[in-house]
Protein backbone atom coordinates (compact mmCIF):
# COMPACT_ATOMS: atom_id res chain seq x y z
CA MET A 1 -0.11 -0.02 -0.31
CA SER A 2 1.49 3.01 -1.18
CA LEU A 3 -0.80 5.60 1.25
CA TRP A 4 0.18 6.24 4.99
CA ARG A 5 -1.42 8.28 7.64
CA ARG A 6 -0.26 11.34 9.37
CA PRO A 7 -0.52 11.74 12.83
CA SER A 8 -2.49 14.65 11.69
CA GLY A 9 -5.07 12.47 10.00
CA ILE A 10 -4.16 13.56 6.34
CA TYR A 11 -3.04 10.84 3.87
CA GLU A 12 0.00 11.01 2.20
CA SER A 13 1.28 9.26 -1.41
CA HIS A 14 4.29 7.05 -0.83
CA ILE A 15 5.56 5.91 -4.50
CA MET A 16 8.77 4.12 -5.88
CA VAL A 17 10.18 4.88 -8.81
CA ASP A 18 13.37 3.09 -10.34
CA GLY A 19 14.28 2.39 -6.24
CA VAL A 20 13.35 6.35 -5.59
CA ARG A 21 10.50 7.01 -3.17
CA TYR A 22 8.52 9.89 -3.65
CA ARG A 23 6.34 11.91 -1.19
CA LYS A 24 3.26 14.12 -1.95
CA SER A 25 0.44 14.99 0.36
CA THR A 26 -3.17 14.19 -0.47
CA GLY A 27 -4.47 17.09 0.93
CA THR A 28 -7.20 15.06 2.52
CA SER A 29 -8.58 12.67 5.64
CA ILE A 30 -10.53 10.94 3.36
CA LYS A 31 -9.25 7.18 2.34
CA ARG A 32 -11.38 7.05 -0.42
CA LEU A 33 -10.74 10.53 -1.67
CA ALA A 34 -6.99 9.85 -0.78
CA GLU A 35 -7.01 6.62 -2.93
CA ARG A 36 -7.81 8.40 -6.11
CA ILE A 37 -5.30 10.87 -5.25
CA ASP A 38 -2.41 8.79 -5.25
CA GLN A 39 -3.90 6.66 -8.12
CA LYS A 40 -3.24 10.07 -10.25
CA ASN A 41 0.13 10.79 -8.50
CA GLN A 42 1.04 7.25 -10.06
CA GLU A 43 -0.01 7.66 -13.46
CA GLU A 44 1.57 11.25 -13.64
CA LEU A 45 4.99 9.91 -12.34
CA LEU A 46 5.26 6.91 -14.53
CA ALA A 47 3.98 8.95 -17.62
CA LYS A 48 6.69 11.14 -16.87
CA ARG A 49 9.00 8.46 -16.00
CA PHE A 50 8.47 6.77 -19.55
CA GLN A 51 7.95 10.29 -21.08
CA VAL A 52 4.99 9.46 -22.28
CA GLU A 53 3.40 12.88 -24.31
CA GLU A 54 0.58 14.19 -22.55
CA HIS A 55 -2.10 16.68 -24.49
CA ALA A 56 -4.16 19.34 -22.48
CA PHE A 57 -7.62 19.10 -22.29
CA ASP A 58 -8.58 22.56 -24.08
CA PRO A 59 -11.79 22.58 -26.35
CA GLY A 60 -10.49 26.59 -26.82
CA MET A 61 -7.92 25.41 -29.41
CA LYS A 62 -9.00 27.00 -32.46
CA PHE A 63 -9.46 24.59 -35.36
CA ALA A 64 -7.00 25.76 -37.24
CA GLU A 65 -4.51 25.01 -34.95
CA LEU A 66 -6.15 21.39 -34.17
CA VAL A 67 -5.37 21.08 -38.06
CA THR A 68 -1.73 21.77 -38.11
CA ARG A 69 -1.27 19.35 -35.17
CA PHE A 70 -3.59 16.96 -37.58
CA LEU A 71 -1.40 17.23 -40.36
CA ALA A 72 1.88 17.51 -38.53
CA ALA A 73 0.75 13.44 -36.72
CA GLY A 74 0.18 12.81 -40.65
CA SER A 75 -2.52 12.26 -43.02
CA LYS A 76 -4.19 11.17 -46.11
CA PRO A 77 -4.10 13.04 -49.19
CA TRP A 78 -7.70 12.92 -49.28
CA HIS A 79 -7.93 14.73 -46.26
CA ARG A 80 -5.56 17.49 -46.72
CA GLU A 81 -7.88 18.08 -50.60
CA ARG A 82 -10.88 18.14 -48.54
CA LEU A 83 -9.51 20.72 -46.25
CA LYS A 84 -8.79 23.21 -48.63
CA VAL A 85 -12.66 23.82 -48.51
CA VAL A 86 -13.36 22.89 -45.03
CA LEU A 87 -10.47 25.06 -43.28
CA PRO A 88 -11.12 28.23 -44.68
CA TYR A 89 -14.67 28.25 -42.69
CA PHE A 90 -13.62 26.79 -39.36
CA ALA A 91 -10.06 27.81 -39.02
CA GLY A 92 -11.17 30.55 -36.38
CA MET A 93 -13.61 28.64 -34.71
CA GLU A 94 -12.70 27.01 -31.15
CA ILE A 95 -13.29 23.17 -31.28
CA GLY A 96 -15.32 23.30 -28.34
CA HIS A 97 -18.08 25.21 -30.34
CA ILE A 98 -17.58 23.36 -32.92
CA SER A 99 -21.91 21.47 -33.06
CA LYS A 100 -24.64 20.47 -35.57
CA SER A 101 -25.81 23.62 -35.88
CA VAL A 102 -22.42 25.20 -37.01
CA VAL A 103 -22.73 22.52 -39.64
CA ASP A 104 -25.68 23.48 -40.83
CA ARG A 105 -24.64 26.78 -41.41
CA TYR A 106 -21.45 25.40 -42.74
CA ARG A 107 -23.98 23.32 -44.97
CA ALA A 108 -25.89 26.42 -45.99
CA HIS A 109 -22.92 28.49 -46.92
CA ARG A 110 -21.30 26.08 -49.67
CA HIS A 111 -24.95 25.75 -51.06
CA SER A 112 -24.80 29.73 -51.38
CA GLU A 113 -21.19 29.62 -52.73
CA LYS A 114 -21.54 27.85 -55.62
CA LYS A 115 -23.47 24.49 -57.02
CA VAL A 116 -22.38 21.45 -54.72
CA THR A 117 -24.13 18.36 -54.45
CA GLU A 118 -24.77 16.62 -51.35
CA SER A 119 -22.20 14.35 -51.43
CA THR A 120 -19.66 16.77 -51.91
CA ILE A 121 -20.58 18.56 -48.35
CA ASN A 122 -20.92 14.94 -47.01
CA HIS A 123 -17.05 14.46 -47.52
CA ASP A 124 -16.67 17.76 -46.34
CA LEU A 125 -18.09 16.64 -43.32
CA GLN A 126 -16.91 13.40 -43.01
CA CYS A 127 -13.51 14.85 -42.87
CA LEU A 128 -14.31 17.55 -40.20
CA ARG A 129 -15.86 14.38 -37.96
CA HIS A 130 -12.63 12.75 -38.45
CA ILE A 131 -9.93 15.39 -37.16
CA LEU A 132 -12.59 15.91 -34.24
CA TYR A 133 -12.07 12.27 -33.79
CA TRP A 134 -8.62 12.91 -33.78
CA ALA A 135 -9.26 15.51 -31.50
CA VAL A 136 -10.96 13.14 -28.71
CA ASP A 137 -8.06 10.57 -29.22
CA GLN A 138 -5.21 13.44 -28.24
CA GLY A 139 -7.61 14.42 -25.03
CA PHE A 140 -8.43 18.07 -26.77
CA LEU A 141 -11.87 17.14 -26.73
CA PRO A 142 -13.65 15.01 -24.06
CA GLU A 143 -16.14 13.71 -27.22
CA ASN A 144 -16.83 14.24 -30.61
CA PRO A 145 -19.72 16.86 -31.04
CA LEU A 146 -20.24 15.47 -34.35
CA LYS A 147 -20.11 11.68 -33.64
CA ARG A 148 -23.94 11.26 -34.30
CA LEU A 149 -24.47 13.64 -37.23
CA LYS A 150 -26.81 12.22 -40.16
CA LEU A 151 -25.45 13.14 -43.33
CA GLU A 152 -27.60 13.95 -45.90
CA LYS A 153 -28.74 11.49 -48.44
CA PRO A 154 -27.27 11.87 -51.66
CA ARG A 155 -29.89 11.82 -54.68
CA ARG A 156 -28.93 8.90 -56.87
CA LYS A 157 -28.38 10.10 -60.75
CA LYS A 158 -28.17 8.20 -63.41
CA ARG A 159 -24.69 8.10 -64.66
CA PRO A 160 -23.97 7.96 -68.63
CA VAL A 161 -22.78 3.84 -70.01
CA MET A 162 -20.39 4.53 -72.53
CA SER A 163 -21.35 2.61 -76.12
CA LEU A 164 -19.35 0.79 -77.70
CA GLU A 165 -19.23 3.46 -80.51
CA ASP A 166 -17.83 5.88 -78.34
CA GLU A 167 -15.29 3.69 -76.66
CA ALA A 168 -13.76 2.95 -80.23
CA ARG A 169 -13.74 6.73 -80.81
CA LEU A 170 -12.90 7.67 -76.98
CA LEU A 171 -9.49 4.78 -77.47
CA GLN A 172 -8.56 6.13 -80.80
CA ALA A 173 -8.17 9.66 -80.00
CA ALA A 174 -6.11 8.74 -76.44
CA ALA A 175 -2.51 8.75 -75.92
CA PRO A 176 -1.19 5.00 -75.69
CA HIS A 177 -0.41 4.88 -72.05
CA LEU A 178 -4.08 6.16 -71.66
CA GLN A 179 -5.34 3.83 -74.20
CA LYS A 180 -4.34 0.94 -71.87
CA ILE A 181 -5.81 2.48 -68.68
CA ILE A 182 -9.02 3.16 -70.52
CA ILE A 183 -9.40 -0.48 -71.55
CA CYS A 184 -8.22 -1.70 -67.89
CA ALA A 185 -11.17 0.17 -66.58
CA LEU A 186 -13.80 -0.91 -69.06
CA ASP A 187 -13.15 -4.57 -68.86
CA THR A 188 -12.51 -4.91 -65.07
CA GLY A 189 -14.60 -1.82 -63.56
CA MET A 190 -11.65 -0.66 -60.97
CA ARG A 191 -11.12 2.42 -59.60
CA ARG A 192 -8.61 5.11 -60.97
CA GLY A 193 -6.40 4.46 -58.17
CA GLU A 194 -6.55 1.11 -58.18
CA ILE A 195 -5.72 0.97 -62.18
CA LEU A 196 -2.57 3.26 -61.22
CA SER A 197 -1.21 1.36 -58.08
CA GLN A 198 -1.59 -2.15 -59.82
CA LEU A 199 1.46 -4.42 -60.19
CA TRP A 200 2.63 -6.95 -62.55
CA GLN A 201 3.02 -9.48 -59.76
CA ASP A 202 -0.39 -9.53 -58.98
CA VAL A 203 -1.31 -10.57 -62.46
CA ASP A 204 -2.17 -14.59 -62.39
CA PHE A 205 -1.33 -15.19 -66.27
CA SER A 206 -2.17 -18.71 -65.95
CA ARG A 207 -5.14 -18.43 -64.37
CA ARG A 208 -6.05 -15.46 -66.61
CA LEU A 209 -6.68 -13.59 -63.11
CA LEU A 210 -6.16 -10.59 -61.92
CA TYR A 211 -5.51 -9.45 -58.07
CA VAL A 212 -6.32 -6.15 -57.26
CA THR A 213 -4.49 -5.91 -53.58
CA ARG A 214 -5.03 -2.15 -53.16
CA SER A 215 -8.68 -1.85 -52.82
CA LYS A 216 -10.77 0.47 -51.29
CA THR A 217 -13.33 -2.06 -49.89
CA ALA A 218 -14.06 -2.14 -45.62
CA GLY A 219 -10.79 -3.48 -44.25
CA GLY A 220 -8.85 -3.50 -47.68
CA GLU A 221 -9.58 -7.16 -48.32
CA SER A 222 -8.15 -8.26 -52.17
CA ARG A 223 -10.56 -9.34 -54.64
CA GLU A 224 -9.84 -11.25 -57.65
CA ILE A 225 -11.40 -10.27 -61.48
CA PRO A 226 -11.10 -12.31 -64.44
CA LEU A 227 -9.09 -11.23 -67.73
CA THR A 228 -11.04 -10.32 -70.49
CA LYS A 229 -9.51 -11.45 -73.90
CA LYS A 230 -8.64 -7.72 -74.65
CA LEU A 231 -6.85 -7.14 -71.67
CA PHE A 232 -5.53 -10.62 -71.65
CA GLU A 233 -3.82 -9.97 -74.67
CA LEU A 234 -2.49 -6.15 -73.87
CA LEU A 235 -1.36 -7.46 -70.60
CA SER A 236 0.82 -10.33 -72.00
CA LYS A 237 2.27 -8.36 -75.38
CA GLU A 238 3.86 -5.46 -72.13
CA ARG A 239 4.45 -8.49 -69.70
CA LYS A 240 7.27 -7.40 -66.92
CA PRO A 241 8.47 -9.28 -64.27
CA GLU A 242 7.47 -6.62 -61.49
CA GLY A 243 6.67 -3.22 -61.21
CA LEU A 244 3.44 -1.25 -62.11
CA ILE A 245 1.62 -1.86 -64.82
CA PHE A 246 0.15 1.56 -65.68
CA THR A 247 3.39 3.84 -66.57
CA PHE A 248 4.35 7.28 -68.29
CA ASP A 249 7.73 7.07 -69.70
CA ASP A 250 8.42 4.37 -66.83
CA LYS A 251 7.49 6.62 -64.02
CA PRO A 252 4.12 6.42 -61.88
CA ILE A 253 1.10 8.57 -63.06
CA ARG A 254 -0.31 10.61 -60.58
CA GLN A 255 -3.24 11.77 -62.42
CA LEU A 256 -5.42 11.35 -65.57
CA LYS A 257 -7.18 14.44 -66.10
CA THR A 258 -5.85 16.32 -68.67
CA GLY A 259 -5.04 13.09 -70.96
CA TRP A 260 -8.66 12.07 -70.37
CA LYS A 261 -10.14 15.75 -70.99
CA ALA A 262 -7.77 16.18 -74.24
CA ALA A 263 -9.15 12.54 -75.49
CA LEU A 264 -12.78 13.40 -75.31
CA ARG A 265 -12.04 16.34 -76.82
CA ARG A 266 -9.80 14.89 -79.97
CA ALA A 267 -12.67 11.84 -80.23
CA LYS A 268 -15.44 15.08 -80.26
CA LEU A 269 -17.42 12.83 -77.72
CA ARG A 270 -20.15 14.42 -74.58
CA TYR A 271 -18.40 14.71 -71.70
CA TYR A 272 -17.73 11.55 -69.39
CA ARG A 273 -15.89 11.31 -66.33
CA PHE A 274 -13.12 8.49 -65.86
CA LYS A 275 -15.25 6.86 -63.25
CA ASP A 276 -18.32 6.71 -65.58
CA LEU A 277 -15.98 3.62 -67.06
CA ARG A 278 -16.38 2.00 -63.72
CA SER A 279 -20.15 2.57 -64.61
CA SER A 280 -20.25 1.00 -68.18
CA PHE A 281 -18.71 -2.17 -66.74
CA ASN A 282 -21.50 -2.27 -64.19
CA SER A 283 -24.21 -1.83 -66.52
CA ARG A 284 -22.43 -4.04 -69.40
CA LEU A 285 -22.58 -6.93 -66.45
CA ILE A 286 -26.42 -6.14 -65.94
CA GLU A 287 -26.75 -6.50 -69.71
CA ALA A 288 -25.18 -9.83 -69.58
CA GLY A 289 -27.32 -11.19 -66.56
CA VAL A 290 -24.61 -11.11 -63.99
CA ILE A 291 -26.32 -11.19 -60.69
CA LYS A 292 -25.94 -8.37 -58.09
CA ASP A 293 -23.74 -10.15 -55.63
CA VAL A 294 -20.92 -11.51 -57.91
CA ARG A 295 -21.21 -7.90 -59.65
CA LYS A 296 -20.34 -6.14 -56.04
CA GLU A 297 -17.61 -8.74 -55.69
CA LEU A 298 -16.05 -8.16 -59.17
CA MET A 299 -16.16 -4.26 -58.58
CA GLY A 300 -15.27 -4.25 -54.42
CA HIS A 301 -18.05 -2.81 -52.83
CA SER A 302 -18.15 -3.22 -49.30
CA ARG A 303 -21.23 -4.90 -47.87
CA ASN A 304 -23.25 -1.81 -46.94
CA GLU A 305 -22.88 -0.32 -50.62
CA ASP A 306 -24.98 -1.29 -53.54
CA THR A 307 -24.32 -1.35 -57.23
CA ASN A 308 -26.33 1.31 -59.43
CA ASP A 309 -28.79 -0.70 -61.59
CA LEU A 310 -30.36 1.79 -63.28
CA LEU A 311 -28.57 2.62 -66.69
CA GLN A 312 -28.78 5.95 -68.70
CA PRO A 313 -29.98 5.55 -72.10
CA HIS A 314 -27.27 6.79 -74.70
């Protein structure tokens, strides 16, 4: 027992750390209270002994300062991108004053600035909520005020399905490195990030399978996608023992926006998003009679996600 009672009745905390005895008065004669104080004294001494960093409870911290600490601790590109919009609005606000009513005002502000979808604003708020959870973990806040925030349900939009004619025109107009990426997207339904990070080591030519190991699905589980004849022949001609499959001048490809827009312009096509290639893959599976569970598996949808069964007339 580390508590000692003085003749005066006041309890004193005696704690041994590395052979050194630390004595400190609890300031109380109530044993139960003294035990709690003694426990706190032990925790403080151990924290100093092992150089545990302690963060002070600070709901008055400005959001801008919190973001600075958050970014310094390491963050994902997605958070940094969303913060370009979120930070200017919340920068001078105390984190303890961020609430659901403040979020409602932010939503109205975003709609007043420019035409944005509810999905876009939901992404902003998911980023904000994530940073506030981090603040709770660091001890700056007692709890996340947005932990039960209900996000607006976005309106489901029909997305254009690329016809075979448009596909042929786009491939003819696209740069060689982009052609291969387009074929992969249309024949596998993979996301852009998955395609650009795909490795030769994850292609099984003997079984004609492509293993998606950098999946966005819940838990990051991998999946297998059968290679179409077109994609199998393309990869067979380019086959390498290792490294990234899709490169430009043997260097990783970071973004496709410029080449994609140029290809659409040269092909004189209506505007498609690169993501619409994924939707087109899904729609072609529907037309081929592939059941929903198989489509979800091939496309890497989580169990709670749903594939869009609606086709856009084209």
